[in-house]
Amino acid sequence: MSRYGYLELSDEALRFAAELWAKSRQQGRPTSSALDLDIDVILAAQALTLDDGIDVTVVTTNARHLSQFVDARLWTDVGDR
């Protein structure tokens, strides 16, 4: 995968997202309202199911919600690498 490549969303990631979603709600820390599609857990699960042995940081405008699952940073706090 290139530095800015596309990563296909896998069934494994979606199942893991459901687990993260349920756990965050059981702990009283939901990342969205009960009626919203929770893309934060899907994005976190996708990052966490990568199996290529690299550390993953999700760069986002919403690090607060994502950081309960994965290393997440505001895009303004991440410099060129």
N, C-alpha and C. Protein backbone atom coordinates (compact mmCIF):
# COMPACT_ATOMS: atom_id res chain seq x y z
N MET A 1 0.85 -1.19 0.00
CA MET A 1 0.00 0.00 0.00
C MET A 1 0.89 1.24 0.00
N SER A 2 0.54 2.21 -0.81
CA SER A 2 1.30 3.45 -0.85
C SER A 2 1.03 4.28 0.39
N ARG A 3 1.80 5.29 0.56
CA ARG A 3 1.66 6.17 1.73
C ARG A 3 0.24 6.72 1.86
N TYR A 4 -0.41 7.00 0.76
CA TYR A 4 -1.76 7.57 0.78
C TYR A 4 -2.76 6.63 0.12
N GLY A 5 -2.52 5.34 0.23
CA GLY A 5 -3.36 4.35 -0.42
C GLY A 5 -4.72 4.17 0.23
N TYR A 6 -5.52 3.39 -0.43
CA TYR A 6 -6.86 3.05 0.03
C TYR A 6 -6.83 1.68 0.67
N LEU A 7 -7.47 1.53 1.79
CA LEU A 7 -7.53 0.25 2.49
C LEU A 7 -8.98 -0.21 2.50
N GLU A 8 -9.24 -1.35 1.90
CA GLU A 8 -10.59 -1.89 1.82
C GLU A 8 -11.10 -2.24 3.22
N LEU A 9 -12.36 -1.93 3.49
CA LEU A 9 -12.98 -2.24 4.77
C LEU A 9 -13.31 -3.73 4.80
N SER A 10 -12.78 -4.43 5.78
CA SER A 10 -12.95 -5.88 5.84
C SER A 10 -14.09 -6.28 6.77
N ASP A 11 -14.57 -7.50 6.59
CA ASP A 11 -15.57 -8.04 7.50
C ASP A 11 -15.01 -8.13 8.91
N GLU A 12 -13.74 -8.50 9.02
CA GLU A 12 -13.09 -8.58 10.33
C GLU A 12 -13.14 -7.23 11.05
N ALA A 13 -12.84 -6.16 10.33
CA ALA A 13 -12.86 -4.83 10.92
C ALA A 13 -14.27 -4.44 11.34
N LEU A 14 -15.27 -4.79 10.54
CA LEU A 14 -16.65 -4.46 10.90
C LEU A 14 -17.11 -5.23 12.14
N ARG A 15 -16.73 -6.49 12.25
CA ARG A 15 -17.07 -7.26 13.45
C ARG A 15 -16.38 -6.66 14.69
N PHE A 16 -15.12 -6.30 14.52
CA PHE A 16 -14.38 -5.69 15.63
C PHE A 16 -14.99 -4.35 16.01
N ALA A 17 -15.44 -3.59 15.02
CA ALA A 17 -16.10 -2.30 15.29
C ALA A 17 -17.34 -2.50 16.13
N ALA A 18 -18.10 -3.55 15.86
CA ALA A 18 -19.29 -3.83 16.65
C ALA A 18 -18.91 -4.13 18.10
N GLU A 19 -17.81 -4.84 18.30
CA GLU A 19 -17.34 -5.13 19.66
C GLU A 19 -16.92 -3.84 20.37
N LEU A 20 -16.17 -2.99 19.67
CA LEU A 20 -15.76 -1.71 20.26
C LEU A 20 -16.96 -0.84 20.60
N TRP A 21 -17.92 -0.81 19.70
CA TRP A 21 -19.14 -0.03 19.89
C TRP A 21 -19.86 -0.48 21.15
N ALA A 22 -20.06 -1.80 21.28
CA ALA A 22 -20.77 -2.35 22.44
C ALA A 22 -20.00 -2.08 23.74
N LYS A 23 -18.69 -2.27 23.70
CA LYS A 23 -17.88 -2.06 24.90
C LYS A 23 -17.92 -0.59 25.35
N SER A 24 -17.81 0.33 24.41
CA SER A 24 -17.83 1.76 24.78
C SER A 24 -19.17 2.15 25.38
N ARG A 25 -20.25 1.58 24.87
CA ARG A 25 -21.58 1.87 25.42
C ARG A 25 -21.77 1.22 26.79
N GLN A 26 -21.28 0.00 26.97
CA GLN A 26 -21.38 -0.68 28.27
C GLN A 26 -20.61 0.09 29.34
N GLN A 27 -19.51 0.74 28.93
CA GLN A 27 -18.70 1.50 29.87
C GLN A 27 -19.21 2.93 30.05
N GLY A 28 -20.31 3.26 29.38
CA GLY A 28 -20.88 4.60 29.50
C GLY A 28 -20.09 5.66 28.75
N ARG A 29 -19.33 5.25 27.72
CA ARG A 29 -18.52 6.18 26.95
C ARG A 29 -18.83 6.10 25.45
N PRO A 30 -20.11 6.23 25.06
CA PRO A 30 -20.43 6.16 23.64
C PRO A 30 -19.81 7.33 22.88
N THR A 31 -19.55 7.10 21.61
CA THR A 31 -18.95 8.15 20.79
C THR A 31 -19.96 8.86 19.91
N SER A 32 -21.21 8.42 19.99
CA SER A 32 -22.28 9.08 19.24
C SER A 32 -23.61 8.75 19.90
N SER A 33 -24.66 9.40 19.44
CA SER A 33 -25.98 9.11 20.00
C SER A 33 -26.43 7.72 19.55
N ALA A 34 -27.42 7.18 20.21
CA ALA A 34 -27.88 5.82 19.94
C ALA A 34 -28.41 5.65 18.52
N LEU A 35 -28.86 6.72 17.89
CA LEU A 35 -29.44 6.62 16.55
C LEU A 35 -28.43 6.89 15.43
N ASP A 36 -27.22 7.28 15.77
CA ASP A 36 -26.22 7.64 14.76
C ASP A 36 -25.37 6.45 14.36
N LEU A 37 -24.98 6.43 13.10
CA LEU A 37 -23.98 5.48 12.64
C LEU A 37 -22.65 5.92 13.24
N ASP A 38 -21.98 5.03 13.90
CA ASP A 38 -20.77 5.40 14.64
C ASP A 38 -19.52 5.12 13.81
N ILE A 39 -19.17 6.04 12.97
CA ILE A 39 -18.02 5.87 12.09
C ILE A 39 -16.72 5.86 12.87
N ASP A 40 -16.68 6.47 14.04
CA ASP A 40 -15.46 6.48 14.85
C ASP A 40 -15.00 5.06 15.17
N VAL A 41 -15.91 4.20 15.59
CA VAL A 41 -15.50 2.84 15.93
C VAL A 41 -15.13 2.04 14.68
N ILE A 42 -15.76 2.33 13.57
CA ILE A 42 -15.40 1.64 12.32
C ILE A 42 -13.99 2.04 11.90
N LEU A 43 -13.68 3.31 11.97
CA LEU A 43 -12.34 3.78 11.62
C LEU A 43 -11.29 3.22 12.57
N ALA A 44 -11.57 3.22 13.87
CA ALA A 44 -10.63 2.67 14.85
C ALA A 44 -10.41 1.18 14.62
N ALA A 45 -11.49 0.44 14.39
CA ALA A 45 -11.37 -1.00 14.16
C ALA A 45 -10.55 -1.28 12.90
N GLN A 46 -10.76 -0.50 11.87
CA GLN A 46 -10.00 -0.69 10.64
C GLN A 46 -8.51 -0.50 10.91
N ALA A 47 -8.17 0.51 11.68
CA ALA A 47 -6.76 0.75 12.01
C ALA A 47 -6.20 -0.37 12.87
N LEU A 48 -6.98 -0.84 13.83
CA LEU A 48 -6.51 -1.85 14.77
C LEU A 48 -6.40 -3.25 14.15
N THR A 49 -7.08 -3.49 13.05
CA THR A 49 -7.02 -4.82 12.43
C THR A 49 -5.95 -4.91 11.34
N LEU A 50 -5.21 -3.85 11.15
CA LEU A 50 -4.08 -3.94 10.21
C LEU A 50 -3.10 -4.98 10.73
N ASP A 51 -2.63 -5.84 9.87
CA ASP A 51 -1.76 -6.92 10.34
C ASP A 51 -0.37 -6.84 9.73
N ASP A 52 0.07 -5.65 9.43
CA ASP A 52 1.39 -5.52 8.81
C ASP A 52 2.48 -5.11 9.80
N GLY A 53 2.19 -5.14 11.10
CA GLY A 53 3.20 -4.91 12.12
C GLY A 53 3.65 -3.47 12.30
N ILE A 54 2.86 -2.52 11.82
CA ILE A 54 3.24 -1.12 12.00
C ILE A 54 2.34 -0.47 13.05
N ASP A 55 2.86 0.54 13.71
CA ASP A 55 2.05 1.33 14.63
C ASP A 55 1.20 2.28 13.81
N VAL A 56 -0.06 2.37 14.15
CA VAL A 56 -1.00 3.20 13.38
C VAL A 56 -1.47 4.37 14.23
N THR A 57 -1.46 5.54 13.64
CA THR A 57 -2.03 6.73 14.25
C THR A 57 -3.12 7.23 13.32
N VAL A 58 -4.30 7.45 13.87
CA VAL A 58 -5.39 8.01 13.08
C VAL A 58 -5.32 9.52 13.21
N VAL A 59 -5.21 10.20 12.09
CA VAL A 59 -5.15 11.66 12.06
C VAL A 59 -6.55 12.15 11.69
N THR A 60 -7.11 13.00 12.54
CA THR A 60 -8.52 13.33 12.43
C THR A 60 -8.81 14.73 12.94
N THR A 61 -10.05 15.14 12.81
CA THR A 61 -10.52 16.37 13.45
C THR A 61 -11.25 16.05 14.74
N ASN A 62 -11.35 14.75 15.08
CA ASN A 62 -12.09 14.33 16.26
C ASN A 62 -11.28 13.31 17.07
N ALA A 63 -10.15 13.71 17.58
CA ALA A 63 -9.28 12.79 18.32
C ALA A 63 -9.90 12.36 19.65
N ARG A 64 -10.75 13.17 20.21
CA ARG A 64 -11.33 12.85 21.52
C ARG A 64 -12.08 11.52 21.50
N HIS A 65 -12.95 11.31 20.54
CA HIS A 65 -13.70 10.06 20.47
C HIS A 65 -12.81 8.89 20.07
N LEU A 66 -12.00 9.07 19.08
CA LEU A 66 -11.17 7.96 18.57
C LEU A 66 -10.10 7.51 19.55
N SER A 67 -9.60 8.43 20.37
CA SER A 67 -8.48 8.10 21.25
C SER A 67 -8.82 7.08 22.33
N GLN A 68 -10.10 6.80 22.57
CA GLN A 68 -10.42 5.75 23.52
C GLN A 68 -10.19 4.37 22.94
N PHE A 69 -9.97 4.29 21.62
CA PHE A 69 -9.75 3.02 20.95
C PHE A 69 -8.35 2.86 20.37
N VAL A 70 -7.81 3.94 19.82
CA VAL A 70 -6.58 3.88 19.04
C VAL A 70 -5.83 5.20 19.20
N ASP A 71 -4.52 5.18 18.94
CA ASP A 71 -3.75 6.42 18.96
C ASP A 71 -4.35 7.36 17.92
N ALA A 72 -4.89 8.47 18.37
CA ALA A 72 -5.54 9.43 17.48
C ALA A 72 -5.06 10.83 17.82
N ARG A 73 -4.78 11.58 16.78
CA ARG A 73 -4.26 12.95 16.97
C ARG A 73 -4.96 13.91 16.03
N LEU A 74 -5.08 15.14 16.50
CA LEU A 74 -5.64 16.17 15.63
C LEU A 74 -4.70 16.39 14.45
N TRP A 75 -5.27 16.59 13.29
CA TRP A 75 -4.45 16.76 12.09
C TRP A 75 -3.54 17.97 12.21
N THR A 76 -3.96 18.98 12.99
CA THR A 76 -3.13 20.17 13.15
C THR A 76 -1.91 19.92 14.03
N ASP A 77 -1.92 18.80 14.78
CA ASP A 77 -0.81 18.47 15.67
C ASP A 77 0.20 17.51 15.05
N VAL A 78 -0.04 17.12 13.82
CA VAL A 78 0.83 16.15 13.16
C VAL A 78 1.61 16.85 12.05
N GLY A 79 2.92 16.80 12.16
CA GLY A 79 3.76 17.44 11.15
C GLY A 79 4.13 16.47 10.05
N ASP A 80 4.83 16.96 9.07
CA ASP A 80 5.32 16.11 7.99
C ASP A 80 6.28 15.09 8.53
N ARG A 81 6.21 13.90 8.00
CA ARG A 81 7.12 12.82 8.44
C ARG A 81 8.03 12.44 7.32
